[in-house]
Amino acid sequence: MKKVVLGLMIALGVGVLGTAEAQQQVRYFSRSGVKQVTAEEAYFFEVTKEDASGGGTKTRYQVQDSTKVSQHTYSDLDGGKYKSGILDGPRYEWYPNGNLKEEGLYSNNKLNGTYKAWYESGELRYSKKYKDNQPHDSLTAYYKAGNVRRVEVYEGGKMTSGKVYDEAGKEVKYIPMEQIPLFPGGEHAMLRWLGSNIKYPKSMRKARLAGLVVIAFTVDEEGNLSNIELLKGIHPDGDAEALRVIKSMPTWNPGLLEGEPVTVRYTLPIRYSI
């Protein structure tokens, strides 16, 4: 029996393409920030600087104006389970205007200490403590004016209490700080819809070809899908079928940040199984 198995995950990871002089590499990426492309196709470029011990930094820029986007520090650029490097040191992200967006500290690939995020205009948005990559102690979020927006307490990596306040300081109904975009009816409804609409290509069925296709897309503030991109293919017909179906998806419920719609980048793996 032929079947299609699907899963959903947030897009993460990097690719590698191109080299420069010794101790330095330049890699090029599409708008998704994941797919490796040629310099002519690139939306981002990333400069890797390696030190004598094998560690170093990876700094990402926008191609259009060389605006700095992010910087990660590694103790081993080729270490880790997937050879993607061992984070060890500060990690930064910046807004297009140059203001710091996020700052965190890693130790042996695990987030530790206080992670901070700012509004684009420069005010502190939240401060969250981590221990061995797990939420630890507390999170405090703020309105732009500096008054407290939420306080969450953590123990053993799990939230034990959470309170949300309006701008006047009055406690209001708790909502999660971040909510991912959802297909109408939720993930199970999406899986059923995809299972009903994706057709196993005859060419793949005849060749008894199975495997994984990975598609990335953006869910905007209205729930529309855009910037649909093939990250990993298996066969031209299977790739085309997966892209066709993703493009025909109905409008999603957008992702939310503090109850407000935001644009989110997602990755959808689709497995063709015999």
C-alpha atoms as a PDB file:
ATOM      1  CA  MET A   1       0.000   0.000   0.000  1.00  0.00           C
ATOM      2  CA  LYS A   2       1.295   3.431  -0.927  1.00  0.00           C
ATOM      3  CA  LYS A   3       1.017   6.167   1.654  1.00  0.00           C
ATOM      4  CA  VAL A   4       2.282   9.638   2.427  1.00  0.00           C
ATOM      5  CA  VAL A   5       3.575  10.383   5.925  1.00  0.00           C
ATOM      6  CA  LEU A   6       3.842  13.993   6.978  1.00  0.00           C
ATOM      7  CA  GLY A   7       5.275  15.969   9.850  1.00  0.00           C
ATOM      8  CA  LEU A   8       5.644  19.572  10.885  1.00  0.00           C
ATOM      9  CA  MET A   9       8.595  21.400  12.372  1.00  0.00           C
ATOM     10  CA  ILE A  10       9.988  24.897  12.699  1.00  0.00           C
ATOM     11  CA  ALA A  11      12.729  25.597  10.203  1.00  0.00           C
ATOM     12  CA  LEU A  12      16.204  25.324  11.646  1.00  0.00           C
ATOM     13  CA  GLY A  13      19.718  24.639  10.367  1.00  0.00           C
ATOM     14  CA  VAL A  14      22.266  25.875   7.826  1.00  0.00           C
ATOM     15  CA  GLY A  15      23.958  24.708   4.669  1.00  0.00           C
ATOM     16  CA  VAL A  16      27.419  25.218   3.203  1.00  0.00           C
ATOM     17  CA  LEU A  17      28.470  26.499  -0.179  1.00  0.00           C
ATOM     18  CA  GLY A  18      31.582  28.138  -1.530  1.00  0.00           C
ATOM     19  CA  THR A  19      34.955  28.898   0.017  1.00  0.00           C
ATOM     20  CA  ALA A  20      37.177  31.910   0.333  1.00  0.00           C
ATOM     21  CA  GLU A  21      40.765  32.271   1.495  1.00  0.00           C
ATOM     22  CA  ALA A  22      42.260  30.006   4.180  1.00  0.00           C
ATOM     23  CA  GLN A  23      40.672  30.362   7.639  1.00  0.00           C
ATOM     24  CA  GLN A  24      37.626  32.038   6.105  1.00  0.00           C
ATOM     25  CA  GLN A  25      34.627  30.754   4.157  1.00  0.00           C
ATOM     26  CA  VAL A  26      31.698  32.491   2.511  1.00  0.00           C
ATOM     27  CA  ARG A  27      28.389  30.636   2.202  1.00  0.00           C
ATOM     28  CA  TYR A  28      25.268  31.773   0.366  1.00  0.00           C
ATOM     29  CA  PHE A  29      21.633  31.214   1.384  1.00  0.00           C
ATOM     30  CA  SER A  30      18.157  31.769   0.005  1.00  0.00           C
ATOM     31  CA  ARG A  31      15.529  33.927   1.734  1.00  0.00           C
ATOM     32  CA  SER A  32      14.610  30.972   3.977  1.00  0.00           C
ATOM     33  CA  GLY A  33      18.078  31.149   5.529  1.00  0.00           C
ATOM     34  CA  VAL A  34      18.407  27.387   5.143  1.00  0.00           C
ATOM     35  CA  LYS A  35      18.815  26.486   1.487  1.00  0.00           C
ATOM     36  CA  GLN A  36      22.310  26.888   0.045  1.00  0.00           C
ATOM     37  CA  VAL A  37      22.378  28.695  -3.306  1.00  0.00           C
ATOM     38  CA  THR A  38      24.781  30.434  -5.662  1.00  0.00           C
ATOM     39  CA  ALA A  39      26.027  33.945  -4.986  1.00  0.00           C
ATOM     40  CA  GLU A  40      23.757  35.254  -7.761  1.00  0.00           C
ATOM     41  CA  GLU A  41      20.660  33.711  -6.126  1.00  0.00           C
ATOM     42  CA  ALA A  42      21.524  34.573  -2.530  1.00  0.00           C
ATOM     43  CA  TYR A  43      19.459  36.626  -0.109  1.00  0.00           C
ATOM     44  CA  PHE A  44      21.999  36.148   2.715  1.00  0.00           C
ATOM     45  CA  PHE A  45      25.727  35.494   2.808  1.00  0.00           C
ATOM     46  CA  GLU A  46      27.575  34.074   5.797  1.00  0.00           C
ATOM     47  CA  VAL A  47      31.233  34.580   6.670  1.00  0.00           C
ATOM     48  CA  THR A  48      32.877  31.839   8.739  1.00  0.00           C
ATOM     49  CA  LYS A  49      36.150  32.726  10.452  1.00  0.00           C
ATOM     50  CA  GLU A  50      38.087  29.819  11.930  1.00  0.00           C
ATOM     51  CA  ASP A  51      40.727  30.147  14.632  1.00  0.00           C
ATOM     52  CA  ALA A  52      43.740  27.886  15.216  1.00  0.00           C
ATOM     53  CA  SER A  53      41.807  25.608  17.599  1.00  0.00           C
ATOM     54  CA  GLY A  54      39.047  24.845  15.078  1.00  0.00           C
ATOM     55  CA  GLY A  55      36.535  27.184  16.671  1.00  0.00           C
ATOM     56  CA  GLY A  56      35.453  30.572  15.422  1.00  0.00           C
ATOM     57  CA  THR A  57      32.451  32.638  14.379  1.00  0.00           C
ATOM     58  CA  LYS A  58      29.732  32.595  11.735  1.00  0.00           C
ATOM     59  CA  THR A  59      28.375  36.026  10.837  1.00  0.00           C
ATOM     60  CA  ARG A  60      25.405  36.407   8.503  1.00  0.00           C
ATOM     61  CA  TYR A  61      24.588  39.462   6.358  1.00  0.00           C
ATOM     62  CA  GLN A  62      21.903  40.517   3.904  1.00  0.00           C
ATOM     63  CA  VAL A  63      23.225  40.556   0.350  1.00  0.00           C
ATOM     64  CA  GLN A  64      21.340  43.714  -0.630  1.00  0.00           C
ATOM     65  CA  ASP A  65      23.148  46.123   1.676  1.00  0.00           C
ATOM     66  CA  SER A  66      25.499  43.942   3.778  1.00  0.00           C
ATOM     67  CA  THR A  67      23.412  44.593   6.903  1.00  0.00           C
ATOM     68  CA  LYS A  68      24.557  42.307   9.710  1.00  0.00           C
ATOM     69  CA  VAL A  69      21.850  39.793  10.666  1.00  0.00           C
ATOM     70  CA  SER A  70      23.401  37.411  13.203  1.00  0.00           C
ATOM     71  CA  GLN A  71      26.621  36.125  14.731  1.00  0.00           C
ATOM     72  CA  HIS A  72      27.316  32.794  16.459  1.00  0.00           C
ATOM     73  CA  THR A  73      30.464  31.705  18.312  1.00  0.00           C
ATOM     74  CA  TYR A  74      31.719  28.091  18.222  1.00  0.00           C
ATOM     75  CA  SER A  75      34.324  26.066  20.082  1.00  0.00           C
ATOM     76  CA  ASP A  76      34.329  23.587  17.173  1.00  0.00           C
ATOM     77  CA  LEU A  77      32.972  24.698  13.802  1.00  0.00           C
ATOM     78  CA  ASP A  78      32.624  21.111  12.557  1.00  0.00           C
ATOM     79  CA  GLY A  79      31.641  19.411  15.807  1.00  0.00           C
ATOM     80  CA  GLY A  80      28.323  18.146  17.082  1.00  0.00           C
ATOM     81  CA  LYS A  81      26.042  15.315  16.055  1.00  0.00           C
ATOM     82  CA  TYR A  82      25.377  16.735  12.590  1.00  0.00           C
ATOM     83  CA  LYS A  83      28.781  18.384  12.104  1.00  0.00           C
ATOM     84  CA  SER A  84      27.072  21.769  12.235  1.00  0.00           C
ATOM     85  CA  GLY A  85      29.296  23.094  15.015  1.00  0.00           C
ATOM     86  CA  ILE A  86      29.313  23.348  18.810  1.00  0.00           C
ATOM     87  CA  LEU A  87      27.994  26.691  20.029  1.00  0.00           C
ATOM     88  CA  ASP A  88      30.180  28.067  22.796  1.00  0.00           C
ATOM     89  CA  GLY A  89      30.002  31.761  23.553  1.00  0.00           C
ATOM     90  CA  PRO A  90      27.725  34.669  22.692  1.00  0.00           C
ATOM     91  CA  ARG A  91      25.006  34.594  20.035  1.00  0.00           C
ATOM     92  CA  TYR A  92      23.571  37.805  18.577  1.00  0.00           C
ATOM     93  CA  GLU A  93      20.810  38.846  16.189  1.00  0.00           C
ATOM     94  CA  TRP A  94      20.240  42.351  14.824  1.00  0.00           C
ATOM     95  CA  TYR A  95      17.353  44.281  13.307  1.00  0.00           C
ATOM     96  CA  PRO A  96      17.778  45.842   9.832  1.00  0.00           C
ATOM     97  CA  ASN A  97      18.282  49.242  11.509  1.00  0.00           C
ATOM     98  CA  GLY A  98      21.339  47.881  13.337  1.00  0.00           C
ATOM     99  CA  ASN A  99      19.766  47.650  16.788  1.00  0.00           C
ATOM    100  CA  LEU A 100      20.337  44.466  18.756  1.00  0.00           C
ATOM    101  CA  LYS A 101      17.383  42.057  18.521  1.00  0.00           C
ATOM    102  CA  GLU A 102      18.460  39.084  20.673  1.00  0.00           C
ATOM    103  CA  GLU A 103      21.451  38.082  22.782  1.00  0.00           C
ATOM    104  CA  GLY A 104      22.260  34.782  24.477  1.00  0.00           C
ATOM    105  CA  LEU A 105      25.187  32.775  25.797  1.00  0.00           C
ATOM    106  CA  TYR A 106      25.947  29.139  24.941  1.00  0.00           C
ATOM    107  CA  SER A 107      28.160  26.622  26.714  1.00  0.00           C
ATOM    108  CA  ASN A 108      28.901  23.325  24.961  1.00  0.00           C
ATOM    109  CA  ASN A 109      25.909  23.761  22.620  1.00  0.00           C
ATOM    110  CA  LYS A 110      23.509  24.569  25.463  1.00  0.00           C
ATOM    111  CA  LEU A 111      21.878  27.887  26.250  1.00  0.00           C
ATOM    112  CA  ASN A 112      22.855  29.119  29.711  1.00  0.00           C
ATOM    113  CA  GLY A 113      22.362  32.311  31.654  1.00  0.00           C
ATOM    114  CA  THR A 114      20.110  35.211  30.711  1.00  0.00           C
ATOM    115  CA  TYR A 115      18.680  35.434  27.196  1.00  0.00           C
ATOM    116  CA  LYS A 116      17.499  38.920  26.219  1.00  0.00           C
ATOM    117  CA  ALA A 117      15.389  40.314  23.389  1.00  0.00           C
ATOM    118  CA  TRP A 118      14.689  43.941  22.444  1.00  0.00           C
ATOM    119  CA  TYR A 119      12.112  45.878  20.465  1.00  0.00           C
ATOM    120  CA  GLU A 120      13.354  47.277  17.157  1.00  0.00           C
ATOM    121  CA  SER A 121      13.358  50.748  18.724  1.00  0.00           C
ATOM    122  CA  GLY A 122      15.794  49.553  21.407  1.00  0.00           C
ATOM    123  CA  GLU A 123      13.668  48.917  24.508  1.00  0.00           C
ATOM    124  CA  LEU A 124      14.037  45.600  26.373  1.00  0.00           C
ATOM    125  CA  ARG A 125      11.242  43.196  25.321  1.00  0.00           C
ATOM    126  CA  TYR A 126      11.990  40.268  27.622  1.00  0.00           C
ATOM    127  CA  SER A 127      14.627  38.596  29.741  1.00  0.00           C
ATOM    128  CA  LYS A 128      14.567  34.809  30.212  1.00  0.00           C
ATOM    129  CA  LYS A 129      16.930  32.615  32.217  1.00  0.00           C
ATOM    130  CA  TYR A 130      18.230  29.249  31.007  1.00  0.00           C
ATOM    131  CA  LYS A 131      20.182  26.364  32.492  1.00  0.00           C
ATOM    132  CA  ASP A 132      21.510  23.586  30.246  1.00  0.00           C
ATOM    133  CA  ASN A 133      19.178  24.658  27.424  1.00  0.00           C
ATOM    134  CA  GLN A 134      16.062  24.563  29.627  1.00  0.00           C
ATOM    135  CA  PRO A 135      14.020  27.531  30.911  1.00  0.00           C
ATOM    136  CA  HIS A 136      15.168  28.183  34.465  1.00  0.00           C
ATOM    137  CA  ASP A 137      13.972  30.457  37.245  1.00  0.00           C
ATOM    138  CA  SER A 138      12.007  33.165  35.430  1.00  0.00           C
ATOM    139  CA  LEU A 139      10.987  35.158  32.378  1.00  0.00           C
ATOM    140  CA  THR A 140      10.006  38.807  32.589  1.00  0.00           C
ATOM    141  CA  ALA A 141       8.576  40.635  29.562  1.00  0.00           C
ATOM    142  CA  TYR A 142       8.006  44.372  29.209  1.00  0.00           C
ATOM    143  CA  TYR A 143       5.974  46.905  27.281  1.00  0.00           C
ATOM    144  CA  LYS A 144       7.965  49.506  25.355  1.00  0.00           C
ATOM    145  CA  ALA A 145       7.378  52.007  28.148  1.00  0.00           C
ATOM    146  CA  GLY A 146       9.219  49.681  30.535  1.00  0.00           C
ATOM    147  CA  ASN A 147       6.294  48.435  32.630  1.00  0.00           C
ATOM    148  CA  VAL A 148       5.995  44.680  33.186  1.00  0.00           C
ATOM    149  CA  ARG A 149       3.910  42.761  30.648  1.00  0.00           C
ATOM    150  CA  ARG A 150       4.298  39.192  31.935  1.00  0.00           C
ATOM    151  CA  VAL A 151       6.108  37.149  34.567  1.00  0.00           C
ATOM    152  CA  GLU A 152       6.636  33.400  34.239  1.00  0.00           C
ATOM    153  CA  VAL A 153       8.310  31.099  36.763  1.00  0.00           C
ATOM    154  CA  TYR A 154      10.079  27.876  35.729  1.00  0.00           C
ATOM    155  CA  GLU A 155      11.276  24.799  37.552  1.00  0.00           C
ATOM    156  CA  GLY A 156      12.931  21.797  35.927  1.00  0.00           C
ATOM    157  CA  GLY A 157      12.407  23.309  32.487  1.00  0.00           C
ATOM    158  CA  LYS A 158       8.633  23.641  32.948  1.00  0.00           C
ATOM    159  CA  MET A 159       6.526  26.699  33.698  1.00  0.00           C
ATOM    160  CA  THR A 160       4.983  26.518  37.175  1.00  0.00           C
ATOM    161  CA  SER A 161       3.166  29.860  37.085  1.00  0.00           C
ATOM    162  CA  GLY A 162       2.507  32.667  34.648  1.00  0.00           C
ATOM    163  CA  LYS A 163       0.856  36.079  34.924  1.00  0.00           C
ATOM    164  CA  VAL A 164       0.075  38.667  32.238  1.00  0.00           C
ATOM    165  CA  TYR A 165      -0.629  42.371  32.831  1.00  0.00           C
ATOM    166  CA  ASP A 166      -2.119  45.183  30.776  1.00  0.00           C
ATOM    167  CA  GLU A 167      -0.272  48.467  30.320  1.00  0.00           C
ATOM    168  CA  ALA A 168      -1.927  49.888  33.431  1.00  0.00           C
ATOM    169  CA  GLY A 169      -0.537  47.022  35.530  1.00  0.00           C
ATOM    170  CA  LYS A 170      -3.823  45.127  35.927  1.00  0.00           C
ATOM    171  CA  GLU A 171      -3.594  41.333  35.719  1.00  0.00           C
ATOM    172  CA  VAL A 172      -5.437  39.900  32.700  1.00  0.00           C
ATOM    173  CA  LYS A 173      -6.140  36.413  31.348  1.00  0.00           C
ATOM    174  CA  TYR A 174      -2.960  34.450  30.700  1.00  0.00           C
ATOM    175  CA  ILE A 175      -1.969  33.679  27.111  1.00  0.00           C
ATOM    176  CA  PRO A 176       1.310  32.132  25.886  1.00  0.00           C
ATOM    177  CA  MET A 177       3.897  34.670  24.773  1.00  0.00           C
ATOM    178  CA  GLU A 178       4.308  32.886  21.441  1.00  0.00           C
ATOM    179  CA  GLN A 179       1.822  30.776  19.470  1.00  0.00           C
ATOM    180  CA  ILE A 180       2.756  29.012  16.238  1.00  0.00           C
ATOM    181  CA  PRO A 181       0.677  29.342  13.048  1.00  0.00           C
ATOM    182  CA  LEU A 182      -1.962  26.654  12.641  1.00  0.00           C
ATOM    183  CA  PHE A 183      -3.708  25.051   9.699  1.00  0.00           C
ATOM    184  CA  PRO A 184      -7.504  25.491  10.128  1.00  0.00           C
ATOM    185  CA  GLY A 185      -8.551  22.850  12.643  1.00  0.00           C
ATOM    186  CA  GLY A 186      -5.006  22.178  13.829  1.00  0.00           C
ATOM    187  CA  GLU A 187      -2.172  19.852  12.873  1.00  0.00           C
ATOM    188  CA  HIS A 188      -4.283  16.687  12.659  1.00  0.00           C
ATOM    189  CA  ALA A 189      -6.675  18.449  10.275  1.00  0.00           C
ATOM    190  CA  MET A 190      -3.699  19.518   8.171  1.00  0.00           C
ATOM    191  CA  LEU A 191      -2.360  15.976   8.008  1.00  0.00           C
ATOM    192  CA  ARG A 192      -5.758  14.672   6.909  1.00  0.00           C
ATOM    193  CA  TRP A 193      -6.049  17.405   4.277  1.00  0.00           C
ATOM    194  CA  LEU A 194      -2.582  16.720   2.910  1.00  0.00           C
ATOM    195  CA  GLY A 195      -3.162  12.976   2.928  1.00  0.00           C
ATOM    196  CA  SER A 196      -6.311  13.492   0.850  1.00  0.00           C
ATOM    197  CA  ASN A 197      -4.708  15.850  -1.642  1.00  0.00           C
ATOM    198  CA  ILE A 198      -1.191  14.540  -2.262  1.00  0.00           C
ATOM    199  CA  LYS A 199      -1.051  11.912  -4.999  1.00  0.00           C
ATOM    200  CA  TYR A 200       1.847   9.456  -5.084  1.00  0.00           C
ATOM    201  CA  PRO A 201       3.439  10.090  -8.527  1.00  0.00           C
ATOM    202  CA  LYS A 202       3.127   7.155 -10.932  1.00  0.00           C
ATOM    203  CA  SER A 203       6.790   7.417 -11.897  1.00  0.00           C
ATOM    204  CA  MET A 204       7.859   7.025  -8.266  1.00  0.00           C
ATOM    205  CA  ARG A 205       5.376   4.238  -7.654  1.00  0.00           C
ATOM    206  CA  LYS A 206       6.640   2.339 -10.687  1.00  0.00           C
ATOM    207  CA  ALA A 207      10.249   2.704  -9.541  1.00  0.00           C
ATOM    208  CA  ARG A 208       9.242   1.889  -5.945  1.00  0.00           C
ATOM    209  CA  LEU A 209      10.902   5.134  -4.910  1.00  0.00           C
ATOM    210  CA  ALA A 210      10.337   6.422  -1.369  1.00  0.00           C
ATOM    211  CA  GLY A 211      11.908   9.212   0.634  1.00  0.00           C
ATOM    212  CA  LEU A 212      11.621  12.679   2.082  1.00  0.00           C
ATOM    213  CA  VAL A 213      10.724  15.988   0.458  1.00  0.00           C
ATOM    214  CA  VAL A 214      11.215  19.114   2.586  1.00  0.00           C
ATOM    215  CA  ILE A 215       9.310  22.312   1.812  1.00  0.00           C
ATOM    216  CA  ALA A 216       9.762  25.689   3.529  1.00  0.00           C
ATOM    217  CA  PHE A 217       7.187  28.470   3.469  1.00  0.00           C
ATOM    218  CA  THR A 218       6.231  31.701   5.192  1.00  0.00           C
ATOM    219  CA  VAL A 219       2.927  32.206   7.005  1.00  0.00           C
ATOM    220  CA  ASP A 220       2.257  35.950   7.040  1.00  0.00           C
ATOM    221  CA  GLU A 221       0.211  38.028   9.480  1.00  0.00           C
ATOM    222  CA  GLU A 222      -3.004  37.266   7.573  1.00  0.00           C
ATOM    223  CA  GLY A 223      -2.273  33.533   7.437  1.00  0.00           C
ATOM    224  CA  ASN A 224      -1.334  33.515   3.752  1.00  0.00           C
ATOM    225  CA  LEU A 225       1.456  31.210   2.555  1.00  0.00           C
ATOM    226  CA  SER A 226       4.285  32.693   0.496  1.00  0.00           C
ATOM    227  CA  ASN A 227       7.975  32.212  -0.352  1.00  0.00           C
ATOM    228  CA  ILE A 228       7.343  28.491  -0.847  1.00  0.00           C
ATOM    229  CA  GLU A 229      10.673  26.774  -1.397  1.00  0.00           C
ATOM    230  CA  LEU A 230      11.989  23.258  -1.965  1.00  0.00           C
ATOM    231  CA  LEU A 231      14.766  22.556   0.547  1.00  0.00           C
ATOM    232  CA  LYS A 232      15.242  18.838  -0.117  1.00  0.00           C
ATOM    233  CA  GLY A 233      13.952  16.827  -3.039  1.00  0.00           C
ATOM    234  CA  ILE A 234      13.695  13.157  -3.931  1.00  0.00           C
ATOM    235  CA  HIS A 235      12.410  13.058  -7.527  1.00  0.00           C
ATOM    236  CA  PRO A 236      11.191  15.816  -9.888  1.00  0.00           C
ATOM    237  CA  ASP A 237       7.638  14.436  -9.904  1.00  0.00           C
ATOM    238  CA  GLY A 238       7.480  14.004  -6.130  1.00  0.00           C
ATOM    239  CA  ASP A 239       8.965  17.453  -5.589  1.00  0.00           C
ATOM    240  CA  ALA A 240       6.481  19.054  -7.982  1.00  0.00           C
ATOM    241  CA  GLU A 241       3.526  17.285  -6.366  1.00  0.00           C
ATOM    242  CA  ALA A 242       4.537  18.400  -2.875  1.00  0.00           C
ATOM    243  CA  LEU A 243       4.965  21.999  -4.051  1.00  0.00           C
ATOM    244  CA  ARG A 244       1.627  21.927  -5.884  1.00  0.00           C
ATOM    245  CA  VAL A 245      -0.274  20.816  -2.816  1.00  0.00           C
ATOM    246  CA  ILE A 246       1.422  23.278  -0.451  1.00  0.00           C
ATOM    247  CA  LYS A 247       0.574  26.112  -2.852  1.00  0.00           C
ATOM    248  CA  SER A 248      -3.096  25.072  -2.801  1.00  0.00           C
ATOM    249  CA  MET A 249      -3.390  25.101   0.999  1.00  0.00           C
ATOM    250  CA  PRO A 250      -6.163  27.209   2.556  1.00  0.00           C
ATOM    251  CA  THR A 251      -5.394  30.260   4.677  1.00  0.00           C
ATOM    252  CA  TRP A 252      -3.831  29.426   8.053  1.00  0.00           C
ATOM    253  CA  ASN A 253      -4.372  30.978  11.461  1.00  0.00           C
ATOM    254  CA  PRO A 254      -1.297  33.229  11.793  1.00  0.00           C
ATOM    255  CA  GLY A 255       1.354  32.928  14.458  1.00  0.00           C
ATOM    256  CA  LEU A 256       0.969  35.222  17.449  1.00  0.00           C
ATOM    257  CA  LEU A 257       3.441  37.123  19.600  1.00  0.00           C
ATOM    258  CA  GLU A 258       1.839  38.535  22.754  1.00  0.00           C
ATOM    259  CA  GLY A 259      -1.532  38.074  21.059  1.00  0.00           C
ATOM    260  CA  GLU A 260      -0.538  40.007  17.917  1.00  0.00           C
ATOM    261  CA  PRO A 261      -0.178  38.332  14.470  1.00  0.00           C
ATOM    262  CA  VAL A 262       3.405  37.895  13.236  1.00  0.00           C
ATOM    263  CA  THR A 263       5.101  36.395  10.188  1.00  0.00           C
ATOM    264  CA  VAL A 264       6.653  32.959  10.794  1.00  0.00           C
ATOM    265  CA  ARG A 265       8.875  30.742   8.645  1.00  0.00           C
ATOM    266  CA  TYR A 266       8.029  27.018   8.684  1.00  0.00           C
ATOM    267  CA  THR A 267       9.420  23.804   7.285  1.00  0.00           C
ATOM    268  CA  LEU A 268       7.171  20.887   6.316  1.00  0.00           C
ATOM    269  CA  PRO A 269       8.776  17.468   5.742  1.00  0.00           C
ATOM    270  CA  ILE A 270       6.724  15.139   3.519  1.00  0.00           C
ATOM    271  CA  ARG A 271       7.681  11.480   3.416  1.00  0.00           C
ATOM    272  CA  TYR A 272       6.681   9.277   0.502  1.00  0.00           C
ATOM    273  CA  SER A 273       6.548   5.711   1.840  1.00  0.00           C
ATOM    274  CA  ILE A 274       5.883   2.426   0.043  1.00  0.00           C
END
